Amino acid sequence: MFDDKVAFCYRGFIMKKVYRLVVTVKEIRGRCPVFKTGDNIFIESPKIVPEKTDALCVHALGSMLSMIVALSHGVSFKELGLAVEEGDTGYVQCLDPGPPHTPGGTVLFEIRREAIK
């Protein structure tokens, strides 16, 4: 039996390796009251690492929450529609559409996967 902390089943395959996700603010369109370009969110699934994380927003988290566990276990960014090519980097966007629809702004995030040693 696999330890549920290190095993993840995806499409019938058991994925044992676990990765850290580093989510970086790459671009802000409009005005974001939470993030600035270059801010990071560190995730070691299932937890967010608060002492390394610059800021956190529920709108941003909502855009990536459903994919965090899968990505942290090695599921392909390309297969999830977050990248054009295979690799350890993908992109998501904040749910706030920004002007002229809201007074805020939308944020483009890069999610980078790093092996946990």
PDB file of N, CA and C in Angstrom:
ATOM      1  N   MET A   1       0.846  -1.184   0.000  1.00  0.00           N
ATOM      2  CA  MET A   1       0.000   0.000   0.000  1.00  0.00           C
ATOM      3  C   MET A   1       0.883   1.236   0.000  1.00  0.00           C
ATOM      4  N   PHE A   2       0.501   2.266  -0.752  1.00  0.00           N
ATOM      5  CA  PHE A   2       1.247   3.509  -0.837  1.00  0.00           C
ATOM      6  C   PHE A   2       0.866   4.449   0.292  1.00  0.00           C
ATOM      7  N   ASP A   3       1.821   5.210   0.752  1.00  0.00           N
ATOM      8  CA  ASP A   3       1.573   6.273   1.731  1.00  0.00           C
ATOM      9  C   ASP A   3       0.847   7.396   1.000  1.00  0.00           C
ATOM     10  N   ASP A   4      -0.342   7.795   1.478  1.00  0.00           N
ATOM     11  CA  ASP A   4      -1.118   8.799   0.754  1.00  0.00           C
ATOM     12  C   ASP A   4      -0.472  10.181   0.757  1.00  0.00           C
ATOM     13  N   LYS A   5       0.589  10.378   1.526  1.00  0.00           N
ATOM     14  CA  LYS A   5       1.276  11.663   1.527  1.00  0.00           C
ATOM     15  C   LYS A   5       2.241  11.779   0.351  1.00  0.00           C
ATOM     16  N   VAL A   6       2.638  10.660  -0.239  1.00  0.00           N
ATOM     17  CA  VAL A   6       3.589  10.727  -1.341  1.00  0.00           C
ATOM     18  C   VAL A   6       3.072  10.091  -2.629  1.00  0.00           C
ATOM     19  N   ALA A   7       1.919   9.448  -2.590  1.00  0.00           N
ATOM     20  CA  ALA A   7       1.398   8.815  -3.796  1.00  0.00           C
ATOM     21  C   ALA A   7       0.149   9.550  -4.265  1.00  0.00           C
ATOM     22  N   PHE A   8       0.026   9.672  -5.571  1.00  0.00           N
ATOM     23  CA  PHE A   8      -1.104  10.364  -6.182  1.00  0.00           C
ATOM     24  C   PHE A   8      -1.439   9.591  -7.446  1.00  0.00           C
ATOM     25  N   CYS A   9      -2.684   9.229  -7.619  1.00  0.00           N
ATOM     26  CA  CYS A   9      -3.093   8.471  -8.791  1.00  0.00           C
ATOM     27  C   CYS A   9      -3.658   9.427  -9.829  1.00  0.00           C
ATOM     28  N   TYR A  10      -3.112   9.374 -11.030  1.00  0.00           N
ATOM     29  CA  TYR A  10      -3.590  10.223 -12.122  1.00  0.00           C
ATOM     30  C   TYR A  10      -3.694   9.363 -13.367  1.00  0.00           C
ATOM     31  N   ARG A  11      -4.914   9.248 -13.900  1.00  0.00           N
ATOM     32  CA  ARG A  11      -5.175   8.445 -15.097  1.00  0.00           C
ATOM     33  C   ARG A  11      -4.625   7.024 -14.977  1.00  0.00           C
ATOM     34  N   GLY A  12      -4.747   6.470 -13.773  1.00  0.00           N
ATOM     35  CA  GLY A  12      -4.320   5.100 -13.547  1.00  0.00           C
ATOM     36  C   GLY A  12      -2.847   4.940 -13.221  1.00  0.00           C
ATOM     37  N   PHE A  13      -2.074   6.022 -13.227  1.00  0.00           N
ATOM     38  CA  PHE A  13      -0.652   5.953 -12.901  1.00  0.00           C
ATOM     39  C   PHE A  13      -0.431   6.454 -11.482  1.00  0.00           C
ATOM     40  N   ILE A  14       0.401   5.757 -10.723  1.00  0.00           N
ATOM     41  CA  ILE A  14       0.755   6.201  -9.382  1.00  0.00           C
ATOM     42  C   ILE A  14       1.963   7.129  -9.501  1.00  0.00           C
ATOM     43  N   MET A  15       1.806   8.351  -9.008  1.00  0.00           N
ATOM     44  CA  MET A  15       2.875   9.348  -9.089  1.00  0.00           C
ATOM     45  C   MET A  15       3.390   9.573  -7.676  1.00  0.00           C
ATOM     46  N   LYS A  16       4.612   9.091  -7.402  1.00  0.00           N
ATOM     47  CA  LYS A  16       5.152   9.150  -6.052  1.00  0.00           C
ATOM     48  C   LYS A  16       5.959  10.400  -5.762  1.00  0.00           C
ATOM     49  N   LYS A  17       6.533  11.004  -6.755  1.00  0.00           N
ATOM     50  CA  LYS A  17       7.389  12.173  -6.533  1.00  0.00           C
ATOM     51  C   LYS A  17       6.551  13.391  -6.169  1.00  0.00           C
ATOM     52  N   VAL A  18       7.054  14.202  -5.243  1.00  0.00           N
ATOM     53  CA  VAL A  18       6.355  15.410  -4.823  1.00  0.00           C
ATOM     54  C   VAL A  18       7.234  16.613  -5.145  1.00  0.00           C
ATOM     55  N   TYR A  19       6.606  17.670  -5.633  1.00  0.00           N
ATOM     56  CA  TYR A  19       7.325  18.869  -6.031  1.00  0.00           C
ATOM     57  C   TYR A  19       6.847  20.084  -5.243  1.00  0.00           C
ATOM     58  N   ARG A  20       7.733  21.033  -5.062  1.00  0.00           N
ATOM     59  CA  ARG A  20       7.387  22.365  -4.533  1.00  0.00           C
ATOM     60  C   ARG A  20       6.926  23.190  -5.733  1.00  0.00           C
ATOM     61  N   LEU A  21       5.924  24.014  -5.531  1.00  0.00           N
ATOM     62  CA  LEU A  21       5.480  24.935  -6.571  1.00  0.00           C
ATOM     63  C   LEU A  21       5.831  26.349  -6.145  1.00  0.00           C
ATOM     64  N   VAL A  22       6.467  27.079  -7.044  1.00  0.00           N
ATOM     65  CA  VAL A  22       6.777  28.480  -6.806  1.00  0.00           C
ATOM     66  C   VAL A  22       5.942  29.277  -7.801  1.00  0.00           C
ATOM     67  N   VAL A  23       5.009  30.055  -7.274  1.00  0.00           N
ATOM     68  CA  VAL A  23       4.095  30.846  -8.088  1.00  0.00           C
ATOM     69  C   VAL A  23       4.593  32.289  -8.053  1.00  0.00           C
ATOM     70  N   THR A  24       4.935  32.843  -9.210  1.00  0.00           N
ATOM     71  CA  THR A  24       5.525  34.178  -9.296  1.00  0.00           C
ATOM     72  C   THR A  24       4.614  35.107 -10.108  1.00  0.00           C
ATOM     73  N   VAL A  25       4.422  36.318  -9.598  1.00  0.00           N
ATOM     74  CA  VAL A  25       3.654  37.329 -10.327  1.00  0.00           C
ATOM     75  C   VAL A  25       4.529  37.825 -11.484  1.00  0.00           C
ATOM     76  N   LYS A  26       4.091  37.558 -12.716  1.00  0.00           N
ATOM     77  CA  LYS A  26       4.857  37.958 -13.897  1.00  0.00           C
ATOM     78  C   LYS A  26       4.378  39.277 -14.482  1.00  0.00           C
ATOM     79  N   GLU A  27       3.065  39.544 -14.396  1.00  0.00           N
ATOM     80  CA  GLU A  27       2.522  40.749 -15.029  1.00  0.00           C
ATOM     81  C   GLU A  27       1.216  41.138 -14.328  1.00  0.00           C
ATOM     82  N   ILE A  28       0.986  42.436 -14.205  1.00  0.00           N
ATOM     83  CA  ILE A  28      -0.264  42.947 -13.645  1.00  0.00           C
ATOM     84  C   ILE A  28      -0.871  43.897 -14.669  1.00  0.00           C
ATOM     85  N   ARG A  29      -2.115  43.627 -15.047  1.00  0.00           N
ATOM     86  CA  ARG A  29      -2.841  44.510 -15.970  1.00  0.00           C
ATOM     87  C   ARG A  29      -3.926  45.213 -15.170  1.00  0.00           C
ATOM     88  N   GLY A  30      -3.862  46.515 -15.096  1.00  0.00           N
ATOM     89  CA  GLY A  30      -4.775  47.266 -14.242  1.00  0.00           C
ATOM     90  C   GLY A  30      -4.104  47.494 -12.894  1.00  0.00           C
ATOM     91  N   ARG A  31      -4.897  47.511 -11.829  1.00  0.00           N
ATOM     92  CA  ARG A  31      -4.366  47.749 -10.492  1.00  0.00           C
ATOM     93  C   ARG A  31      -4.688  46.561  -9.594  1.00  0.00           C
ATOM     94  N   CYS A  32      -3.677  45.973  -8.999  1.00  0.00           N
ATOM     95  CA  CYS A  32      -3.873  44.877  -8.058  1.00  0.00           C
ATOM     96  C   CYS A  32      -3.558  45.397  -6.653  1.00  0.00           C
ATOM     97  N   PRO A  33      -4.506  45.315  -5.728  1.00  0.00           N
ATOM     98  CA  PRO A  33      -4.269  45.813  -4.375  1.00  0.00           C
ATOM     99  C   PRO A  33      -3.465  44.861  -3.496  1.00  0.00           C
ATOM    100  N   VAL A  34      -3.165  43.665  -3.999  1.00  0.00           N
ATOM    101  CA  VAL A  34      -2.483  42.648  -3.180  1.00  0.00           C
ATOM    102  C   VAL A  34      -1.048  42.404  -3.620  1.00  0.00           C
ATOM    103  N   PHE A  35      -0.841  42.182  -4.918  1.00  0.00           N
ATOM    104  CA  PHE A  35       0.461  41.754  -5.424  1.00  0.00           C
ATOM    105  C   PHE A  35       1.208  42.874  -6.126  1.00  0.00           C
ATOM    106  N   LYS A  36       2.533  42.690  -6.176  1.00  0.00           N
ATOM    107  CA  LYS A  36       3.385  43.488  -7.055  1.00  0.00           C
ATOM    108  C   LYS A  36       4.189  42.507  -7.898  1.00  0.00           C
ATOM    109  N   THR A  37       4.645  42.950  -9.055  1.00  0.00           N
ATOM    110  CA  THR A  37       5.420  42.087  -9.942  1.00  0.00           C
ATOM    111  C   THR A  37       6.626  41.529  -9.192  1.00  0.00           C
ATOM    112  N   GLY A  38       6.825  40.226  -9.333  1.00  0.00           N
ATOM    113  CA  GLY A  38       7.938  39.551  -8.677  1.00  0.00           C
ATOM    114  C   GLY A  38       7.576  38.865  -7.368  1.00  0.00           C
ATOM    115  N   ASP A  39       6.388  39.154  -6.822  1.00  0.00           N
ATOM    116  CA  ASP A  39       5.955  38.472  -5.593  1.00  0.00           C
ATOM    117  C   ASP A  39       5.861  36.968  -5.837  1.00  0.00           C
ATOM    118  N   ASN A  40       6.079  36.196  -4.775  1.00  0.00           N
ATOM    119  CA  ASN A  40       6.037  34.736  -4.863  1.00  0.00           C
ATOM    120  C   ASN A  40       5.092  34.135  -3.838  1.00  0.00           C
ATOM    121  N   ILE A  41       4.521  32.999  -4.217  1.00  0.00           N
ATOM    122  CA  ILE A  41       3.774  32.133  -3.312  1.00  0.00           C
ATOM    123  C   ILE A  41       4.486  30.785  -3.366  1.00  0.00           C
ATOM    124  N   PHE A  42       4.871  30.244  -2.220  1.00  0.00           N
ATOM    125  CA  PHE A  42       5.537  28.945  -2.158  1.00  0.00           C
ATOM    126  C   PHE A  42       4.540  27.913  -1.637  1.00  0.00           C
ATOM    127  N   ILE A  43       4.408  26.803  -2.374  1.00  0.00           N
ATOM    128  CA  ILE A  43       3.470  25.747  -2.008  1.00  0.00           C
ATOM    129  C   ILE A  43       4.225  24.431  -1.930  1.00  0.00           C
ATOM    130  N   GLU A  44       4.117  23.778  -0.788  1.00  0.00           N
ATOM    131  CA  GLU A  44       4.611  22.419  -0.608  1.00  0.00           C
ATOM    132  C   GLU A  44       3.373  21.628  -0.212  1.00  0.00           C
ATOM    133  N   SER A  45       2.665  21.166  -1.229  1.00  0.00           N
ATOM    134  CA  SER A  45       1.330  20.602  -1.084  1.00  0.00           C
ATOM    135  C   SER A  45       1.260  19.605   0.068  1.00  0.00           C
ATOM    136  N   PRO A  46       0.283  19.764   0.900  1.00  0.00           N
ATOM    137  CA  PRO A  46      -0.921  20.562   0.752  1.00  0.00           C
ATOM    138  C   PRO A  46      -0.838  21.937   1.403  1.00  0.00           C
ATOM    139  N   LYS A  47       0.344  22.367   1.811  1.00  0.00           N
ATOM    140  CA  LYS A  47       0.398  23.638   2.546  1.00  0.00           C
ATOM    141  C   LYS A  47       1.067  24.750   1.751  1.00  0.00           C
ATOM    142  N   ILE A  48       0.628  25.963   2.025  1.00  0.00           N
ATOM    143  CA  ILE A  48       1.296  27.162   1.543  1.00  0.00           C
ATOM    144  C   ILE A  48       2.338  27.496   2.599  1.00  0.00           C
ATOM    145  N   VAL A  49       3.549  27.851   2.185  1.00  0.00           N
ATOM    146  CA  VAL A  49       4.630  28.149   3.122  1.00  0.00           C
ATOM    147  C   VAL A  49       4.603  29.652   3.417  1.00  0.00           C
ATOM    148  N   PRO A  50       3.979  30.060   4.528  1.00  0.00           N
ATOM    149  CA  PRO A  50       3.767  31.493   4.792  1.00  0.00           C
ATOM    150  C   PRO A  50       5.052  32.300   4.984  1.00  0.00           C
ATOM    151  N   GLU A  51       6.072  31.703   5.578  1.00  0.00           N
ATOM    152  CA  GLU A  51       7.306  32.465   5.822  1.00  0.00           C
ATOM    153  C   GLU A  51       8.085  32.779   4.551  1.00  0.00           C
ATOM    154  N   LYS A  52       7.770  32.107   3.445  1.00  0.00           N
ATOM    155  CA  LYS A  52       8.427  32.377   2.164  1.00  0.00           C
ATOM    156  C   LYS A  52       7.501  33.117   1.193  1.00  0.00           C
ATOM    157  N   THR A  53       6.203  33.175   1.506  1.00  0.00           N
ATOM    158  CA  THR A  53       5.203  33.742   0.615  1.00  0.00           C
ATOM    159  C   THR A  53       5.065  35.243   0.857  1.00  0.00           C
ATOM    160  N   ASP A  54       5.119  36.020  -0.241  1.00  0.00           N
ATOM    161  CA  ASP A  54       5.044  37.485  -0.137  1.00  0.00           C
ATOM    162  C   ASP A  54       3.631  37.988   0.124  1.00  0.00           C
ATOM    163  N   ALA A  55       2.639  37.414  -0.533  1.00  0.00           N
ATOM    164  CA  ALA A  55       1.250  37.853  -0.394  1.00  0.00           C
ATOM    165  C   ALA A  55       0.353  36.724  -0.873  1.00  0.00           C
ATOM    166  N   LEU A  56      -0.919  36.798  -0.485  1.00  0.00           N
ATOM    167  CA  LEU A  56      -1.872  35.784  -0.899  1.00  0.00           C
ATOM    168  C   LEU A  56      -3.241  36.439  -1.082  1.00  0.00           C
ATOM    169  N   CYS A  57      -3.948  36.036  -2.115  1.00  0.00           N
ATOM    170  CA  CYS A  57      -5.247  36.631  -2.441  1.00  0.00           C
ATOM    171  C   CYS A  57      -6.221  35.505  -2.804  1.00  0.00           C
ATOM    172  N   VAL A  58      -7.449  35.582  -2.303  1.00  0.00           N
ATOM    173  CA  VAL A  58      -8.420  34.530  -2.597  1.00  0.00           C
ATOM    174  C   VAL A  58      -8.781  34.472  -4.084  1.00  0.00           C
ATOM    175  N   HIS A  59      -8.753  35.610  -4.777  1.00  0.00           N
ATOM    176  CA  HIS A  59      -9.029  35.604  -6.219  1.00  0.00           C
ATOM    177  C   HIS A  59      -7.941  34.821  -6.958  1.00  0.00           C
ATOM    178  N   ALA A  60      -6.701  35.059  -6.584  1.00  0.00           N
ATOM    179  CA  ALA A  60      -5.587  34.369  -7.227  1.00  0.00           C
ATOM    180  C   ALA A  60      -5.614  32.880  -6.903  1.00  0.00           C
ATOM    181  N   LEU A  61      -5.836  32.562  -5.641  1.00  0.00           N
ATOM    182  CA  LEU A  61      -5.864  31.168  -5.226  1.00  0.00           C
ATOM    183  C   LEU A  61      -6.967  30.406  -5.953  1.00  0.00           C
ATOM    184  N   GLY A  62      -8.097  31.073  -6.160  1.00  0.00           N
ATOM    185  CA  GLY A  62      -9.204  30.447  -6.873  1.00  0.00           C
ATOM    186  C   GLY A  62      -8.859  30.027  -8.288  1.00  0.00           C
ATOM    187  N   SER A  63      -7.957  30.753  -8.928  1.00  0.00           N
ATOM    188  CA  SER A  63      -7.596  30.439 -10.314  1.00  0.00           C
ATOM    189  C   SER A  63      -6.681  29.229 -10.440  1.00  0.00           C
ATOM    190  N   MET A  64      -6.030  28.835  -9.343  1.00  0.00           N
ATOM    191  CA  MET A  64      -5.065  27.735  -9.435  1.00  0.00           C
ATOM    192  C   MET A  64      -5.352  26.578  -8.485  1.00  0.00           C
ATOM    193  N   LEU A  65      -6.270  26.761  -7.568  1.00  0.00           N
ATOM    194  CA  LEU A  65      -6.504  25.794  -6.502  1.00  0.00           C
ATOM    195  C   LEU A  65      -6.789  24.379  -7.013  1.00  0.00           C
ATOM    196  N   SER A  66      -7.587  24.244  -8.040  1.00  0.00           N
ATOM    197  CA  SER A  66      -7.960  22.910  -8.533  1.00  0.00           C
ATOM    198  C   SER A  66      -6.795  22.160  -9.171  1.00  0.00           C
ATOM    199  N   MET A  67      -5.702  22.845  -9.478  1.00  0.00           N
ATOM    200  CA  MET A  67      -4.578  22.202 -10.152  1.00  0.00           C
ATOM    201  C   MET A  67      -3.346  21.995  -9.274  1.00  0.00           C
ATOM    202  N   ILE A  68      -3.330  22.610  -8.100  1.00  0.00           N
ATOM    203  CA  ILE A  68      -2.129  22.599  -7.261  1.00  0.00           C
ATOM    204  C   ILE A  68      -1.687  21.194  -6.880  1.00  0.00           C
ATOM    205  N   VAL A  69      -2.611  20.361  -6.414  1.00  0.00           N
ATOM    206  CA  VAL A  69      -2.228  19.008  -5.994  1.00  0.00           C
ATOM    207  C   VAL A  69      -1.693  18.209  -7.177  1.00  0.00           C
ATOM    208  N   ALA A  70      -2.386  18.249  -8.309  1.00  0.00           N
ATOM    209  CA  ALA A  70      -1.931  17.510  -9.491  1.00  0.00           C
ATOM    210  C   ALA A  70      -0.544  17.977  -9.938  1.00  0.00           C
ATOM    211  N   LEU A  71      -0.334  19.295 -10.004  1.00  0.00           N
ATOM    212  CA  LEU A  71       0.967  19.823 -10.429  1.00  0.00           C
ATOM    213  C   LEU A  71       2.063  19.449  -9.443  1.00  0.00           C
ATOM    214  N   SER A  72       1.745  19.443  -8.158  1.00  0.00           N
ATOM    215  CA  SER A  72       2.769  19.120  -7.162  1.00  0.00           C
ATOM    216  C   SER A  72       3.151  17.649  -7.178  1.00  0.00           C
ATOM    217  N   HIS A  73       2.398  16.840  -7.903  1.00  0.00           N
ATOM    218  CA  HIS A  73       2.723  15.421  -8.051  1.00  0.00           C
ATOM    219  C   HIS A  73       3.200  15.079  -9.457  1.00  0.00           C
ATOM    220  N   GLY A  74       3.487  16.091 -10.268  1.00  0.00           N
ATOM    221  CA  GLY A  74       4.127  15.858 -11.559  1.00  0.00           C
ATOM    222  C   GLY A  74       3.225  15.793 -12.770  1.00  0.00           C
ATOM    223  N   VAL A  75       1.939  16.074 -12.625  1.00  0.00           N
ATOM    224  CA  VAL A  75       1.056  16.080 -13.797  1.00  0.00           C
ATOM    225  C   VAL A  75       1.505  17.194 -14.741  1.00  0.00           C
ATOM    226  N   SER A  76       1.452  16.933 -16.009  1.00  0.00           N
ATOM    227  CA  SER A  76       1.943  17.825 -17.052  1.00  0.00           C
ATOM    228  C   SER A  76       1.216  19.168 -17.102  1.00  0.00           C
ATOM    229  N   PHE A  77       1.992  20.250 -17.118  1.00  0.00           N
ATOM    230  CA  PHE A  77       1.419  21.590 -17.312  1.00  0.00           C
ATOM    231  C   PHE A  77       0.712  21.658 -18.662  1.00  0.00           C
ATOM    232  N   LYS A  78       1.335  21.077 -19.684  1.00  0.00           N
ATOM    233  CA  LYS A  78       0.762  21.109 -21.030  1.00  0.00           C
ATOM    234  C   LYS A  78      -0.569  20.361 -21.068  1.00  0.00           C
ATOM    235  N   GLU A  79      -0.623  19.206 -20.439  1.00  0.00           N
ATOM    236  CA  GLU A  79      -1.851  18.411 -20.445  1.00  0.00           C
ATOM    237  C   GLU A  79      -3.003  19.130 -19.732  1.00  0.00           C
ATOM    238  N   LEU A  80      -2.665  19.945 -18.734  1.00  0.00           N
ATOM    239  CA  LEU A  80      -3.689  20.713 -18.022  1.00  0.00           C
ATOM    240  C   LEU A  80      -4.043  22.021 -18.733  1.00  0.00           C
ATOM    241  N   GLY A  81      -3.389  22.298 -19.866  1.00  0.00           N
ATOM    242  CA  GLY A  81      -3.678  23.507 -20.636  1.00  0.00           C
ATOM    243  C   GLY A  81      -3.001  24.749 -20.097  1.00  0.00           C
ATOM    244  N   LEU A  82      -1.930  24.576 -19.315  1.00  0.00           N
ATOM    245  CA  LEU A  82      -1.231  25.708 -18.693  1.00  0.00           C
ATOM    246  C   LEU A  82       0.078  26.055 -19.379  1.00  0.00           C
ATOM    247  N   ALA A  83       0.438  25.317 -20.422  1.00  0.00           N
ATOM    248  CA  ALA A  83       1.682  25.569 -21.161  1.00  0.00           C
ATOM    249  C   ALA A  83       1.534  25.060 -22.590  1.00  0.00           C
ATOM    250  N   VAL A  84       2.328  25.622 -23.482  1.00  0.00           N
ATOM    251  CA  VAL A  84       2.316  25.206 -24.887  1.00  0.00           C
ATOM    252  C   VAL A  84       3.209  23.988 -25.082  1.00  0.00           C
ATOM    253  N   GLU A  85       4.318  23.939 -24.336  1.00  0.00           N
ATOM    254  CA  GLU A  85       5.278  22.841 -24.455  1.00  0.00           C
ATOM    255  C   GLU A  85       5.438  22.144 -23.105  1.00  0.00           C
ATOM    256  N   GLU A  86       5.914  20.894 -23.145  1.00  0.00           N
ATOM    257  CA  GLU A  86       6.199  20.163 -21.911  1.00  0.00           C
ATOM    258  C   GLU A  86       7.320  20.847 -21.153  1.00  0.00           C
ATOM    259  N   GLY A  87       7.268  20.775 -19.841  1.00  0.00           N
ATOM    260  CA  GLY A  87       8.297  21.370 -19.001  1.00  0.00           C
ATOM    261  C   GLY A  87       7.784  21.546 -17.591  1.00  0.00           C
ATOM    262  N   ASP A  88       8.529  22.265 -16.799  1.00  0.00           N
ATOM    263  CA  ASP A  88       8.193  22.476 -15.391  1.00  0.00           C
ATOM    264  C   ASP A  88       7.676  23.875 -15.112  1.00  0.00           C
ATOM    265  N   THR A  89       7.093  24.518 -16.121  1.00  0.00           N
ATOM    266  CA  THR A  89       6.547  25.864 -15.959  1.00  0.00           C
ATOM    267  C   THR A  89       5.218  25.983 -16.707  1.00  0.00           C
ATOM    268  N   GLY A  90       4.273  26.656 -16.059  1.00  0.00           N
ATOM    269  CA  GLY A  90       2.982  26.912 -16.671  1.00  0.00           C
ATOM    270  C   GLY A  90       2.446  28.252 -16.199  1.00  0.00           C
ATOM    271  N   TYR A  91       1.291  28.653 -16.714  1.00  0.00           N
ATOM    272  CA  TYR A  91       0.746  29.982 -16.430  1.00  0.00           C
ATOM    273  C   TYR A  91      -0.744  29.924 -16.124  1.00  0.00           C
ATOM    274  N   VAL A  92      -1.164  30.738 -15.159  1.00  0.00           N
ATOM    275  CA  VAL A  92      -2.580  30.947 -14.845  1.00  0.00           C
ATOM    276  C   VAL A  92      -2.796  32.437 -14.654  1.00  0.00           C
ATOM    277  N   GLN A  93      -4.064  32.838 -14.703  1.00  0.00           N
ATOM    278  CA  GLN A  93      -4.404  34.249 -14.571  1.00  0.00           C
ATOM    279  C   GLN A  93      -5.445  34.419 -13.472  1.00  0.00           C
ATOM    280  N   CYS A  94      -5.338  35.516 -12.764  1.00  0.00           N
ATOM    281  CA  CYS A  94      -6.283  35.872 -11.715  1.00  0.00           C
ATOM    282  C   CYS A  94      -7.700  35.951 -12.278  1.00  0.00           C
ATOM    283  N   LEU A  95      -8.682  35.702 -11.421  1.00  0.00           N
ATOM    284  CA  LEU A  95     -10.084  35.723 -11.843  1.00  0.00           C
ATOM    285  C   LEU A  95     -10.658  37.121 -12.029  1.00  0.00           C
ATOM    286  N   ASP A  96     -10.023  38.153 -11.467  1.00  0.00           N
ATOM    287  CA  ASP A  96     -10.513  39.531 -11.600  1.00  0.00           C
ATOM    288  C   ASP A  96     -10.227  40.027 -13.020  1.00  0.00           C
ATOM    289  N   PRO A  97     -11.265  40.373 -13.804  1.00  0.00           N
ATOM    290  CA  PRO A  97     -11.034  40.788 -15.179  1.00  0.00           C
ATOM    291  C   PRO A  97     -10.397  42.174 -15.321  1.00  0.00           C
ATOM    292  N   GLY A  98     -10.513  43.019 -14.289  1.00  0.00           N
ATOM    293  CA  GLY A  98      -9.935  44.366 -14.374  1.00  0.00           C
ATOM    294  C   GLY A  98     -10.784  45.297 -15.215  1.00  0.00           C
ATOM    295  N   PRO A  99     -10.265  46.524 -15.441  1.00  0.00           N
ATOM    296  CA  PRO A  99     -11.017  47.544 -16.184  1.00  0.00           C
ATOM    297  C   PRO A  99     -11.374  47.063 -17.593  1.00  0.00           C
ATOM    298  N   PRO A 100     -12.502  47.420 -18.080  1.00  0.00           N
ATOM    299  CA  PRO A 100     -13.503  48.331 -17.529  1.00  0.00           C
ATOM    300  C   PRO A 100     -14.553  47.621 -16.671  1.00  0.00           C
ATOM    301  N   HIS A 101     -14.367  46.335 -16.423  1.00  0.00           N
ATOM    302  CA  HIS A 101     -15.377  45.532 -15.733  1.00  0.00           C
ATOM    303  C   HIS A 101     -15.309  45.628 -14.211  1.00  0.00           C
ATOM    304  N   THR A 102     -14.118  45.799 -13.667  1.00  0.00           N
ATOM    305  CA  THR A 102     -13.927  45.951 -12.214  1.00  0.00           C
ATOM    306  C   THR A 102     -12.875  47.023 -11.983  1.00  0.00           C
ATOM    307  N   PRO A 103     -12.810  47.590 -10.780  1.00  0.00           N
ATOM    308  CA  PRO A 103     -11.788  48.608 -10.512  1.00  0.00           C
ATOM    309  C   PRO A 103     -10.398  48.015 -10.258  1.00  0.00           C
ATOM    310  N   GLY A 104     -10.320  46.702 -10.132  1.00  0.00           N
ATOM    311  CA  GLY A 104      -9.031  46.044  -9.857  1.00  0.00           C
ATOM    312  C   GLY A 104      -8.248  45.786 -11.115  1.00  0.00           C
ATOM    313  N   GLY A 105      -7.570  44.659 -11.127  1.00  0.00           N
ATOM    314  CA  GLY A 105      -6.772  44.284 -12.277  1.00  0.00           C
ATOM    315  C   GLY A 105      -6.540  42.795 -12.282  1.00  0.00           C
ATOM    316  N   THR A 106      -6.061  42.282 -13.382  1.00  0.00           N
ATOM    317  CA  THR A 106      -5.783  40.858 -13.470  1.00  0.00           C
ATOM    318  C   THR A 106      -4.280  40.627 -13.409  1.00  0.00           C
ATOM    319  N   VAL A 107      -3.916  39.499 -12.842  1.00  0.00           N
ATOM    320  CA  VAL A 107      -2.509  39.166 -12.619  1.00  0.00           C
ATOM    321  C   VAL A 107      -2.188  37.883 -13.367  1.00  0.00           C
ATOM    322  N   LEU A 108      -1.055  37.873 -14.071  1.00  0.00           N
ATOM    323  CA  LEU A 108      -0.553  36.673 -14.733  1.00  0.00           C
ATOM    324  C   LEU A 108       0.475  36.044 -13.809  1.00  0.00           C
ATOM    325  N   PHE A 109       0.259  34.768 -13.481  1.00  0.00           N
ATOM    326  CA  PHE A 109       1.162  34.031 -12.604  1.00  0.00           C
ATOM    327  C   PHE A 109       1.905  32.957 -13.375  1.00  0.00           C
ATOM    328  N   GLU A 110       3.190  32.822 -13.088  1.00  0.00           N
ATOM    329  CA  GLU A 110       3.979  31.705 -13.588  1.00  0.00           C
ATOM    330  C   GLU A 110       4.087  30.693 -12.459  1.00  0.00           C
ATOM    331  N   ILE A 111       3.776  29.438 -12.724  1.00  0.00           N
ATOM    332  CA  ILE A 111       3.938  28.380 -11.742  1.00  0.00           C
ATOM    333  C   ILE A 111       5.135  27.534 -12.172  1.00  0.00           C
ATOM    334  N   ARG A 112       6.117  27.448 -11.299  1.00  0.00           N
ATOM    335  CA  ARG A 112       7.335  26.681 -11.584  1.00  0.00           C
ATOM    336  C   ARG A 112       7.416  25.512 -10.603  1.00  0.00           C
ATOM    337  N   ARG A 113       7.737  24.359 -11.113  1.00  0.00           N
ATOM    338  CA  ARG A 113       7.834  23.164 -10.299  1.00  0.00           C
ATOM    339  C   ARG A 113       9.292  22.881  -9.969  1.00  0.00           C
ATOM    340  N   GLU A 114       9.574  22.615  -8.663  1.00  0.00           N
ATOM    341  CA  GLU A 114      10.928  22.270  -8.210  1.00  0.00           C
ATOM    342  C   GLU A 114      10.863  20.970  -7.427  1.00  0.00           C
ATOM    343  N   ALA A 115      11.818  20.097  -7.649  1.00  0.00           N
ATOM    344  CA  ALA A 115      11.870  18.841  -6.901  1.00  0.00           C
ATOM    345  C   ALA A 115      12.165  19.124  -5.434  1.00  0.00           C
ATOM    346  N   ILE A 116      11.458  18.432  -4.550  1.00  0.00           N
ATOM    347  CA  ILE A 116      11.747  18.526  -3.116  1.00  0.00           C
ATOM    348  C   ILE A 116      12.720  17.418  -2.791  1.00  0.00           C
ATOM    349  N   LYS A 117      13.804  17.794  -2.162  1.00  0.00           N
ATOM    350  CA  LYS A 117      14.852  16.805  -1.861  1.00  0.00           C
ATOM    351  C   LYS A 117      14.598  16.106  -0.560  1.00  0.00           C
TER     352      LYS A 117
END
